[in-house]
């Protein structure tokens, strides 16, 4: 297998075969993100991708899940994505699912008919980085879309049959924007109704624009208890049906449950942890 490091994938893709369809991120402007800063975005040659799939067949024999890396494989032209999907399912007839990261602009640029065809040919799950529902904050972090456009991007995937997993970033608004960030993000989740919602906690990455703001005293990050308070504000306002997780390594408190039915249980766990902070993950164990 040929990989251009660093390589990232969602926690739920831990046992998936990772195929790099693209290198880097076509947007690569978000102020908090350092994942692809050292990579120039490009779409890999289709024949190279097919060679990697064939090589993986020799090594693994059987694969049930494939994750298409890097940062937003959905940026590929639809005809190329369809060619990859058809080839992957031909080589692995037991394949159950192909998934990928998607940027909101990728979804907005593709037509409903394109997304329906991708789903028909086996692209079953997309991971969308929502980060926040606060349009002002979305602009500040250079996400490239408004809250309304973010909702439309997510709804487009869902209405065309693709399962949607969204990520939100606790602490992204800093101390001053914490409450608004939580409440506006809950509104977007309710409007979008994603199948899965994952909360990560901000880790400042040296070299990123947001870290430089922090060094100049322009961004004040949340402490442990403030991140829990923000998480509580968020959870108490989410009313749509979604599978919720905050068990990423960046989080101080691992939580999982189904909303809205597990809301009270989750809020009690948060309240207990705020009263007993010794149960929280220590700083040195947090990671991306």
C-alpha atoms as a PDB file:
ATOM      1  CA  UNK A   1       0.000   0.000   0.000  1.00  0.00           C
ATOM      2  CA  UNK A   2       1.193   3.497  -0.821  1.00  0.00           C
ATOM      3  CA  UNK A   3       0.292   6.175   1.697  1.00  0.00           C
ATOM      4  CA  UNK A   4       1.379   9.798   1.881  1.00  0.00           C
ATOM      5  CA  UNK A   5       1.609  10.562   5.586  1.00  0.00           C
ATOM      6  CA  UNK A   6       0.138  11.842   7.807  1.00  0.00           C
ATOM      7  CA  UNK A   7      -2.984   9.768   7.403  1.00  0.00           C
ATOM      8  CA  UNK A   8      -6.228  10.430   9.281  1.00  0.00           C
ATOM      9  CA  UNK A   9      -9.497   8.544   9.629  1.00  0.00           C
ATOM     10  CA  UNK A  10     -12.538   8.722  11.937  1.00  0.00           C
ATOM     11  CA  UNK A  11     -12.426   6.549  15.098  1.00  0.00           C
ATOM     12  CA  UNK A  12     -15.266   4.417  13.741  1.00  0.00           C
ATOM     13  CA  UNK A  13     -13.111   3.473  10.735  1.00  0.00           C
ATOM     14  CA  UNK A  14     -10.432   1.819  12.897  1.00  0.00           C
ATOM     15  CA  UNK A  15     -10.919  -1.561  11.198  1.00  0.00           C
ATOM     16  CA  UNK A  16     -11.555  -0.274   7.686  1.00  0.00           C
ATOM     17  CA  UNK A  17      -9.203  -0.500   4.732  1.00  0.00           C
ATOM     18  CA  UNK A  18      -7.989   3.032   4.034  1.00  0.00           C
ATOM     19  CA  UNK A  19      -7.538   3.972   0.389  1.00  0.00           C
ATOM     20  CA  UNK A  20      -6.119   7.407  -0.412  1.00  0.00           C
ATOM     21  CA  UNK A  21      -8.240   8.683  -3.278  1.00  0.00           C
ATOM     22  CA  UNK A  22      -7.118  12.267  -2.769  1.00  0.00           C
ATOM     23  CA  UNK A  23      -4.137  13.825  -1.041  1.00  0.00           C
ATOM     24  CA  UNK A  24      -4.708  16.601   1.479  1.00  0.00           C
ATOM     25  CA  UNK A  25      -7.790  18.818   1.702  1.00  0.00           C
ATOM     26  CA  UNK A  26      -9.140  20.942  -1.145  1.00  0.00           C
ATOM     27  CA  UNK A  27     -10.262  23.657   1.309  1.00  0.00           C
ATOM     28  CA  UNK A  28      -7.424  23.544   3.856  1.00  0.00           C
ATOM     29  CA  UNK A  29      -8.192  27.011   5.280  1.00  0.00           C
ATOM     30  CA  UNK A  30      -9.816  26.269   8.644  1.00  0.00           C
ATOM     31  CA  UNK A  31      -7.945  28.237  11.295  1.00  0.00           C
ATOM     32  CA  UNK A  32      -7.998  25.458  13.919  1.00  0.00           C
ATOM     33  CA  UNK A  33      -6.903  22.555  11.693  1.00  0.00           C
ATOM     34  CA  UNK A  34      -3.348  21.408  11.133  1.00  0.00           C
ATOM     35  CA  UNK A  35      -4.089  18.006   9.630  1.00  0.00           C
ATOM     36  CA  UNK A  36      -3.167  18.722   6.016  1.00  0.00           C
ATOM     37  CA  UNK A  37      -1.076  21.913   6.234  1.00  0.00           C
ATOM     38  CA  UNK A  38       1.955  20.173   4.766  1.00  0.00           C
ATOM     39  CA  UNK A  39       0.133  18.672   1.777  1.00  0.00           C
ATOM     40  CA  UNK A  40      -0.799  20.135  -1.581  1.00  0.00           C
ATOM     41  CA  UNK A  41      -4.262  18.945  -2.550  1.00  0.00           C
ATOM     42  CA  UNK A  42      -4.487  16.677  -5.557  1.00  0.00           C
ATOM     43  CA  UNK A  43      -6.625  13.866  -6.879  1.00  0.00           C
ATOM     44  CA  UNK A  44      -4.687  10.647  -7.315  1.00  0.00           C
ATOM     45  CA  UNK A  45      -4.494   8.910 -10.652  1.00  0.00           C
ATOM     46  CA  UNK A  46      -7.361   6.433 -10.985  1.00  0.00           C
ATOM     47  CA  UNK A  47      -5.042   3.636 -12.106  1.00  0.00           C
ATOM     48  CA  UNK A  48      -2.885   4.152  -8.983  1.00  0.00           C
ATOM     49  CA  UNK A  49      -5.948   3.914  -6.764  1.00  0.00           C
ATOM     50  CA  UNK A  50      -7.009   0.698  -8.483  1.00  0.00           C
ATOM     51  CA  UNK A  51      -3.504  -0.709  -8.046  1.00  0.00           C
ATOM     52  CA  UNK A  52      -3.717  -0.011  -4.307  1.00  0.00           C
ATOM     53  CA  UNK A  53      -7.054  -1.801  -4.097  1.00  0.00           C
ATOM     54  CA  UNK A  54      -5.561  -4.799  -5.899  1.00  0.00           C
ATOM     55  CA  UNK A  55      -2.509  -4.774  -3.621  1.00  0.00           C
ATOM     56  CA  UNK A  56      -4.758  -4.709  -0.576  1.00  0.00           C
ATOM     57  CA  UNK A  57      -6.625  -7.747  -1.906  1.00  0.00           C
ATOM     58  CA  UNK A  58      -3.374  -9.725  -1.958  1.00  0.00           C
ATOM     59  CA  UNK A  59      -2.642  -8.743   1.638  1.00  0.00           C
ATOM     60  CA  UNK A  60      -6.074  -8.784   3.327  1.00  0.00           C
ATOM     61  CA  UNK A  61      -8.041 -11.219   1.197  1.00  0.00           C
ATOM     62  CA  UNK A  62     -11.394 -10.040   2.528  1.00  0.00           C
ATOM     63  CA  UNK A  63     -12.529  -6.499   3.352  1.00  0.00           C
ATOM     64  CA  UNK A  64     -15.954  -5.390   4.511  1.00  0.00           C
ATOM     65  CA  UNK A  65     -15.373  -1.659   4.888  1.00  0.00           C
ATOM     66  CA  UNK A  66     -13.321   0.889   2.949  1.00  0.00           C
ATOM     67  CA  UNK A  67     -12.647   4.478   3.957  1.00  0.00           C
ATOM     68  CA  UNK A  68     -11.603   6.876   1.185  1.00  0.00           C
ATOM     69  CA  UNK A  69      -9.002   9.357   2.436  1.00  0.00           C
ATOM     70  CA  UNK A  70      -7.724  12.127   2.621  1.00  0.00           C
ATOM     71  CA  UNK A  71      -9.544  15.183   3.907  1.00  0.00           C
ATOM     72  CA  UNK A  72     -12.484  15.242   1.515  1.00  0.00           C
ATOM     73  CA  UNK A  73     -12.521  12.557  -1.141  1.00  0.00           C
ATOM     74  CA  UNK A  74     -15.974  13.797  -2.165  1.00  0.00           C
ATOM     75  CA  UNK A  75     -14.170  16.670  -3.928  1.00  0.00           C
ATOM     76  CA  UNK A  76     -13.332  14.205  -6.702  1.00  0.00           C
ATOM     77  CA  UNK A  77     -15.365  14.401  -9.915  1.00  0.00           C
ATOM     78  CA  UNK A  78     -18.376  12.135  -9.580  1.00  0.00           C
ATOM     79  CA  UNK A  79     -17.481   9.939 -12.549  1.00  0.00           C
ATOM     80  CA  UNK A  80     -14.084   9.151 -10.985  1.00  0.00           C
ATOM     81  CA  UNK A  81     -15.647   8.338  -7.622  1.00  0.00           C
ATOM     82  CA  UNK A  82     -18.136   6.024  -9.323  1.00  0.00           C
ATOM     83  CA  UNK A  83     -15.293   4.253 -11.128  1.00  0.00           C
ATOM     84  CA  UNK A  84     -13.495   3.676  -7.811  1.00  0.00           C
ATOM     85  CA  UNK A  85     -16.679   2.421  -6.140  1.00  0.00           C
ATOM     86  CA  UNK A  86     -17.447  -0.017  -8.961  1.00  0.00           C
ATOM     87  CA  UNK A  87     -13.884  -1.344  -8.912  1.00  0.00           C
ATOM     88  CA  UNK A  88     -13.796  -1.735  -5.119  1.00  0.00           C
ATOM     89  CA  UNK A  89     -17.052  -3.692  -5.013  1.00  0.00           C
ATOM     90  CA  UNK A  90     -15.889  -5.857  -7.941  1.00  0.00           C
ATOM     91  CA  UNK A  91     -12.637  -6.752  -6.176  1.00  0.00           C
ATOM     92  CA  UNK A  92     -14.328  -7.177  -2.789  1.00  0.00           C
ATOM     93  CA  UNK A  93     -17.783  -8.730  -3.410  1.00  0.00           C
ATOM     94  CA  UNK A  94     -18.250  -9.026   0.376  1.00  0.00           C
ATOM     95  CA  UNK A  95     -17.793  -5.246   0.798  1.00  0.00           C
ATOM     96  CA  UNK A  96     -20.565  -3.772   2.944  1.00  0.00           C
ATOM     97  CA  UNK A  97     -19.721  -0.080   3.016  1.00  0.00           C
ATOM     98  CA  UNK A  98     -17.554   2.640   1.507  1.00  0.00           C
ATOM     99  CA  UNK A  99     -17.300   5.921   3.404  1.00  0.00           C
ATOM    100  CA  UNK A 100     -15.404   9.207   3.156  1.00  0.00           C
ATOM    101  CA  UNK A 101     -14.895  12.647   4.636  1.00  0.00           C
ATOM    102  CA  UNK A 102     -16.905  15.386   2.909  1.00  0.00           C
ATOM    103  CA  UNK A 103     -16.576  19.139   3.096  1.00  0.00           C
ATOM    104  CA  UNK A 104     -19.786  21.180   3.021  1.00  0.00           C
ATOM    105  CA  UNK A 105     -18.737  22.810  -0.250  1.00  0.00           C
ATOM    106  CA  UNK A 106     -18.304  19.373  -1.843  1.00  0.00           C
ATOM    107  CA  UNK A 107     -21.892  18.463  -1.043  1.00  0.00           C
ATOM    108  CA  UNK A 108     -23.235  21.828  -2.146  1.00  0.00           C
ATOM    109  CA  UNK A 109     -21.463  21.590  -5.513  1.00  0.00           C
ATOM    110  CA  UNK A 110     -22.800  18.145  -6.381  1.00  0.00           C
ATOM    111  CA  UNK A 111     -26.303  17.684  -7.696  1.00  0.00           C
ATOM    112  CA  UNK A 112     -28.895  15.503  -5.984  1.00  0.00           C
ATOM    113  CA  UNK A 113     -28.745  13.081  -8.898  1.00  0.00           C
ATOM    114  CA  UNK A 114     -24.967  12.712  -8.463  1.00  0.00           C
ATOM    115  CA  UNK A 115     -25.269  11.984  -4.755  1.00  0.00           C
ATOM    116  CA  UNK A 116     -28.100   9.497  -5.351  1.00  0.00           C
ATOM    117  CA  UNK A 117     -25.945   7.678  -7.892  1.00  0.00           C
ATOM    118  CA  UNK A 118     -22.982   7.582  -5.504  1.00  0.00           C
ATOM    119  CA  UNK A 119     -25.236   6.040  -2.866  1.00  0.00           C
ATOM    120  CA  UNK A 120     -26.633   3.544  -5.365  1.00  0.00           C
ATOM    121  CA  UNK A 121     -23.104   2.444  -6.245  1.00  0.00           C
ATOM    122  CA  UNK A 122     -22.072   1.954  -2.609  1.00  0.00           C
ATOM    123  CA  UNK A 123     -20.992   5.224  -0.961  1.00  0.00           C
ATOM    124  CA  UNK A 124     -23.071   4.722   2.164  1.00  0.00           C
ATOM    125  CA  UNK A 125     -21.638   7.042   4.840  1.00  0.00           C
ATOM    126  CA  UNK A 126     -20.152  10.542   4.835  1.00  0.00           C
ATOM    127  CA  UNK A 127     -18.403  12.364   7.668  1.00  0.00           C
ATOM    128  CA  UNK A 128     -19.092  16.103   7.678  1.00  0.00           C
ATOM    129  CA  UNK A 129     -17.151  18.555   9.814  1.00  0.00           C
ATOM    130  CA  UNK A 130     -19.836  20.966  11.000  1.00  0.00           C
ATOM    131  CA  UNK A 131     -17.639  22.336  13.843  1.00  0.00           C
ATOM    132  CA  UNK A 132     -20.181  25.018  14.860  1.00  0.00           C
ATOM    133  CA  UNK A 133     -23.637  26.286  14.017  1.00  0.00           C
ATOM    134  CA  UNK A 134     -22.677  29.903  14.701  1.00  0.00           C
ATOM    135  CA  UNK A 135     -22.444  31.655  11.309  1.00  0.00           C
ATOM    136  CA  UNK A 136     -20.229  34.380  12.737  1.00  0.00           C
ATOM    137  CA  UNK A 137     -17.828  31.775  14.110  1.00  0.00           C
ATOM    138  CA  UNK A 138     -17.949  29.756  10.882  1.00  0.00           C
ATOM    139  CA  UNK A 139     -16.777  32.863   9.055  1.00  0.00           C
ATOM    140  CA  UNK A 140     -14.072  33.534  11.630  1.00  0.00           C
ATOM    141  CA  UNK A 141     -12.627  30.023  11.348  1.00  0.00           C
ATOM    142  CA  UNK A 142     -12.804  30.229   7.518  1.00  0.00           C
ATOM    143  CA  UNK A 143     -15.015  27.208   7.060  1.00  0.00           C
ATOM    144  CA  UNK A 144     -16.305  28.604   3.771  1.00  0.00           C
ATOM    145  CA  UNK A 145     -20.054  28.305   4.440  1.00  0.00           C
ATOM    146  CA  UNK A 146     -22.775  29.840   6.592  1.00  0.00           C
ATOM    147  CA  UNK A 147     -24.874  27.880   9.077  1.00  0.00           C
ATOM    148  CA  UNK A 148     -27.731  27.771   6.547  1.00  0.00           C
ATOM    149  CA  UNK A 149     -25.423  26.384   3.873  1.00  0.00           C
ATOM    150  CA  UNK A 150     -24.046  23.836   6.322  1.00  0.00           C
ATOM    151  CA  UNK A 151     -27.573  22.599   7.042  1.00  0.00           C
ATOM    152  CA  UNK A 152     -28.326  22.351   3.328  1.00  0.00           C
ATOM    153  CA  UNK A 153     -25.123  20.375   2.729  1.00  0.00           C
ATOM    154  CA  UNK A 154     -26.030  17.856   5.423  1.00  0.00           C
ATOM    155  CA  UNK A 155     -29.662  17.594   4.382  1.00  0.00           C
ATOM    156  CA  UNK A 156     -28.604  16.990   0.780  1.00  0.00           C
ATOM    157  CA  UNK A 157     -26.645  13.893   1.793  1.00  0.00           C
ATOM    158  CA  UNK A 158     -29.493  12.597   3.955  1.00  0.00           C
ATOM    159  CA  UNK A 159     -32.316  13.136   1.480  1.00  0.00           C
ATOM    160  CA  UNK A 160     -30.354  11.233  -1.156  1.00  0.00           C
ATOM    161  CA  UNK A 161     -29.958   8.171   1.033  1.00  0.00           C
ATOM    162  CA  UNK A 162     -26.483   8.601   2.490  1.00  0.00           C
ATOM    163  CA  UNK A 163     -25.956   8.176   6.215  1.00  0.00           C
ATOM    164  CA  UNK A 164     -24.421  11.290   7.769  1.00  0.00           C
ATOM    165  CA  UNK A 165     -22.032  11.549  10.688  1.00  0.00           C
ATOM    166  CA  UNK A 166     -21.222  15.100  11.761  1.00  0.00           C
ATOM    167  CA  UNK A 167     -18.480  16.377  14.040  1.00  0.00           C
ATOM    168  CA  UNK A 168     -18.700  19.444  16.242  1.00  0.00           C
ATOM    169  CA  UNK A 169     -15.842  21.048  18.129  1.00  0.00           C
ATOM    170  CA  UNK A 170     -16.295  21.913  21.798  1.00  0.00           C
ATOM    171  CA  UNK A 171     -14.313  25.001  22.782  1.00  0.00           C
ATOM    172  CA  UNK A 172     -14.057  26.462  19.293  1.00  0.00           C
ATOM    173  CA  UNK A 173     -15.655  29.759  20.341  1.00  0.00           C
ATOM    174  CA  UNK A 174     -13.312  30.251  23.292  1.00  0.00           C
ATOM    175  CA  UNK A 175     -14.524  31.679  26.586  1.00  0.00           C
ATOM    176  CA  UNK A 176     -16.381  34.624  25.073  1.00  0.00           C
ATOM    177  CA  UNK A 177     -18.255  32.646  22.437  1.00  0.00           C
ATOM    178  CA  UNK A 178     -18.916  29.443  24.362  1.00  0.00           C
ATOM    179  CA  UNK A 179     -22.641  29.836  25.074  1.00  0.00           C
ATOM    180  CA  UNK A 180     -23.545  31.078  21.595  1.00  0.00           C
ATOM    181  CA  UNK A 181     -21.421  28.373  19.964  1.00  0.00           C
ATOM    182  CA  UNK A 182     -23.237  25.642  21.933  1.00  0.00           C
ATOM    183  CA  UNK A 183     -26.749  26.957  21.365  1.00  0.00           C
ATOM    184  CA  UNK A 184     -26.335  27.763  17.672  1.00  0.00           C
ATOM    185  CA  UNK A 185     -24.702  24.389  17.056  1.00  0.00           C
ATOM    186  CA  UNK A 186     -27.655  22.611  18.680  1.00  0.00           C
ATOM    187  CA  UNK A 187     -29.974  24.503  16.296  1.00  0.00           C
ATOM    188  CA  UNK A 188     -28.020  23.307  13.262  1.00  0.00           C
ATOM    189  CA  UNK A 189     -28.024  19.706  14.518  1.00  0.00           C
ATOM    190  CA  UNK A 190     -31.790  19.866  15.042  1.00  0.00           C
ATOM    191  CA  UNK A 191     -32.341  21.253  11.533  1.00  0.00           C
ATOM    192  CA  UNK A 192     -29.960  18.803   9.886  1.00  0.00           C
ATOM    193  CA  UNK A 193     -30.992  15.664  11.830  1.00  0.00           C
ATOM    194  CA  UNK A 194     -27.782  13.679  11.207  1.00  0.00           C
ATOM    195  CA  UNK A 195     -27.721   9.961  11.903  1.00  0.00           C
ATOM    196  CA  UNK A 196     -24.615  10.397  14.085  1.00  0.00           C
ATOM    197  CA  UNK A 197     -23.268  13.377  16.015  1.00  0.00           C
ATOM    198  CA  UNK A 198     -19.744  13.346  17.440  1.00  0.00           C
ATOM    199  CA  UNK A 199     -18.378  16.015  19.761  1.00  0.00           C
ATOM    200  CA  UNK A 200     -14.622  16.539  19.836  1.00  0.00           C
ATOM    201  CA  UNK A 201     -12.816  18.987  22.102  1.00  0.00           C
ATOM    202  CA  UNK A 202     -10.518  21.649  20.696  1.00  0.00           C
ATOM    203  CA  UNK A 203      -6.781  21.064  20.935  1.00  0.00           C
ATOM    204  CA  UNK A 204      -4.720  24.040  19.828  1.00  0.00           C
ATOM    205  CA  UNK A 205      -2.224  22.991  17.155  1.00  0.00           C
ATOM    206  CA  UNK A 206       1.038  24.971  16.959  1.00  0.00           C
ATOM    207  CA  UNK A 207       1.433  26.758  13.644  1.00  0.00           C
ATOM    208  CA  UNK A 208      -2.287  27.119  12.946  1.00  0.00           C
ATOM    209  CA  UNK A 209      -3.867  30.588  12.747  1.00  0.00           C
ATOM    210  CA  UNK A 210      -5.973  29.880  15.838  1.00  0.00           C
ATOM    211  CA  UNK A 211      -2.892  28.945  17.866  1.00  0.00           C
ATOM    212  CA  UNK A 212      -1.250  32.202  16.769  1.00  0.00           C
ATOM    213  CA  UNK A 213      -4.324  34.076  18.020  1.00  0.00           C
ATOM    214  CA  UNK A 214      -3.914  32.274  21.337  1.00  0.00           C
ATOM    215  CA  UNK A 215      -0.246  33.272  21.530  1.00  0.00           C
ATOM    216  CA  UNK A 216      -1.223  36.923  21.002  1.00  0.00           C
ATOM    217  CA  UNK A 217      -3.869  36.688  23.722  1.00  0.00           C
ATOM    218  CA  UNK A 218      -6.724  37.051  21.243  1.00  0.00           C
ATOM    219  CA  UNK A 219      -8.201  33.605  21.894  1.00  0.00           C
ATOM    220  CA  UNK A 220      -8.903  32.328  25.402  1.00  0.00           C
ATOM    221  CA  UNK A 221      -9.427  28.543  25.474  1.00  0.00           C
ATOM    222  CA  UNK A 222     -11.843  26.827  27.833  1.00  0.00           C
ATOM    223  CA  UNK A 223     -10.654  24.919  30.878  1.00  0.00           C
ATOM    224  CA  UNK A 224     -11.910  21.407  31.666  1.00  0.00           C
ATOM    225  CA  UNK A 225     -15.044  22.439  33.518  1.00  0.00           C
ATOM    226  CA  UNK A 226     -15.920  25.071  30.946  1.00  0.00           C
ATOM    227  CA  UNK A 227     -15.795  22.457  28.183  1.00  0.00           C
ATOM    228  CA  UNK A 228     -18.246  20.328  30.185  1.00  0.00           C
ATOM    229  CA  UNK A 229     -20.551  23.307  30.660  1.00  0.00           C
ATOM    230  CA  UNK A 230     -20.479  23.965  26.930  1.00  0.00           C
ATOM    231  CA  UNK A 231     -21.221  20.307  26.243  1.00  0.00           C
ATOM    232  CA  UNK A 232     -24.155  20.519  28.659  1.00  0.00           C
ATOM    233  CA  UNK A 233     -25.579  23.597  26.932  1.00  0.00           C
ATOM    234  CA  UNK A 234     -25.341  21.735  23.643  1.00  0.00           C
ATOM    235  CA  UNK A 235     -26.919  18.470  24.800  1.00  0.00           C
ATOM    236  CA  UNK A 236     -29.838  20.114  26.581  1.00  0.00           C
ATOM    237  CA  UNK A 237     -30.926  21.788  23.315  1.00  0.00           C
ATOM    238  CA  UNK A 238     -30.584  18.840  20.915  1.00  0.00           C
ATOM    239  CA  UNK A 239     -34.063  17.455  20.304  1.00  0.00           C
ATOM    240  CA  UNK A 240     -33.645  15.526  17.052  1.00  0.00           C
ATOM    241  CA  UNK A 241     -33.002  11.799  16.881  1.00  0.00           C
ATOM    242  CA  UNK A 242     -29.263  11.199  16.578  1.00  0.00           C
ATOM    243  CA  UNK A 243     -26.677   8.758  17.919  1.00  0.00           C
ATOM    244  CA  UNK A 244     -24.394  10.888  20.070  1.00  0.00           C
ATOM    245  CA  UNK A 245     -20.747  10.236  20.899  1.00  0.00           C
ATOM    246  CA  UNK A 246     -18.074  12.249  22.674  1.00  0.00           C
ATOM    247  CA  UNK A 247     -15.610   9.405  23.182  1.00  0.00           C
ATOM    248  CA  UNK A 248     -12.854  10.803  20.971  1.00  0.00           C
ATOM    249  CA  UNK A 249      -9.368  10.966  22.516  1.00  0.00           C
ATOM    250  CA  UNK A 250      -9.559  14.768  22.603  1.00  0.00           C
ATOM    251  CA  UNK A 251     -12.448  14.745  25.077  1.00  0.00           C
ATOM    252  CA  UNK A 252     -12.126  14.996  28.844  1.00  0.00           C
ATOM    253  CA  UNK A 253     -15.289  12.963  29.376  1.00  0.00           C
ATOM    254  CA  UNK A 254     -16.236   9.985  27.170  1.00  0.00           C
ATOM    255  CA  UNK A 255     -19.993   9.827  26.614  1.00  0.00           C
ATOM    256  CA  UNK A 256     -22.250   7.829  24.348  1.00  0.00           C
ATOM    257  CA  UNK A 257     -25.996   7.591  24.021  1.00  0.00           C
ATOM    258  CA  UNK A 258     -28.994   8.061  21.781  1.00  0.00           C
ATOM    259  CA  UNK A 259     -30.691  11.430  21.709  1.00  0.00           C
ATOM    260  CA  UNK A 260     -33.177  12.545  22.731  1.00  0.00           C
ATOM    261  CA  UNK A 261     -34.086   9.475  24.827  1.00  0.00           C
ATOM    262  CA  UNK A 262     -30.779   9.389  26.757  1.00  0.00           C
ATOM    263  CA  UNK A 263     -30.580  13.146  27.293  1.00  0.00           C
ATOM    264  CA  UNK A 264     -31.326  13.160  31.030  1.00  0.00           C
ATOM    265  CA  UNK A 265     -28.864  10.333  31.665  1.00  0.00           C
ATOM    266  CA  UNK A 266     -26.122  12.171  29.754  1.00  0.00           C
ATOM    267  CA  UNK A 267     -26.807  15.435  31.569  1.00  0.00           C
ATOM    268  CA  UNK A 268     -26.544  13.647  34.919  1.00  0.00           C
ATOM    269  CA  UNK A 269     -23.170  12.190  33.893  1.00  0.00           C
ATOM    270  CA  UNK A 270     -21.939  15.665  32.942  1.00  0.00           C
ATOM    271  CA  UNK A 271     -23.215  17.172  36.207  1.00  0.00           C
ATOM    272  CA  UNK A 272     -21.535  14.440  38.261  1.00  0.00           C
ATOM    273  CA  UNK A 273     -18.268  14.959  36.412  1.00  0.00           C
ATOM    274  CA  UNK A 274     -18.385  18.716  36.972  1.00  0.00           C
ATOM    275  CA  UNK A 275     -18.743  18.081  40.699  1.00  0.00           C
ATOM    276  CA  UNK A 276     -16.014  15.421  40.634  1.00  0.00           C
ATOM    277  CA  UNK A 277     -13.413  16.592  38.074  1.00  0.00           C
ATOM    278  CA  UNK A 278     -10.947  13.927  39.201  1.00  0.00           C
ATOM    279  CA  UNK A 279     -12.844  11.466  36.954  1.00  0.00           C
ATOM    280  CA  UNK A 280     -11.944  13.438  33.834  1.00  0.00           C
ATOM    281  CA  UNK A 281      -9.250  12.378  31.374  1.00  0.00           C
ATOM    282  CA  UNK A 282      -5.918  13.984  32.325  1.00  0.00           C
ATOM    283  CA  UNK A 283      -4.407  16.441  29.877  1.00  0.00           C
ATOM    284  CA  UNK A 284      -1.466  14.218  28.965  1.00  0.00           C
ATOM    285  CA  UNK A 285      -3.806  11.472  27.733  1.00  0.00           C
ATOM    286  CA  UNK A 286      -5.691  13.717  25.315  1.00  0.00           C
ATOM    287  CA  UNK A 287      -4.839  13.491  21.633  1.00  0.00           C
ATOM    288  CA  UNK A 288      -6.075  13.974  18.102  1.00  0.00           C
END
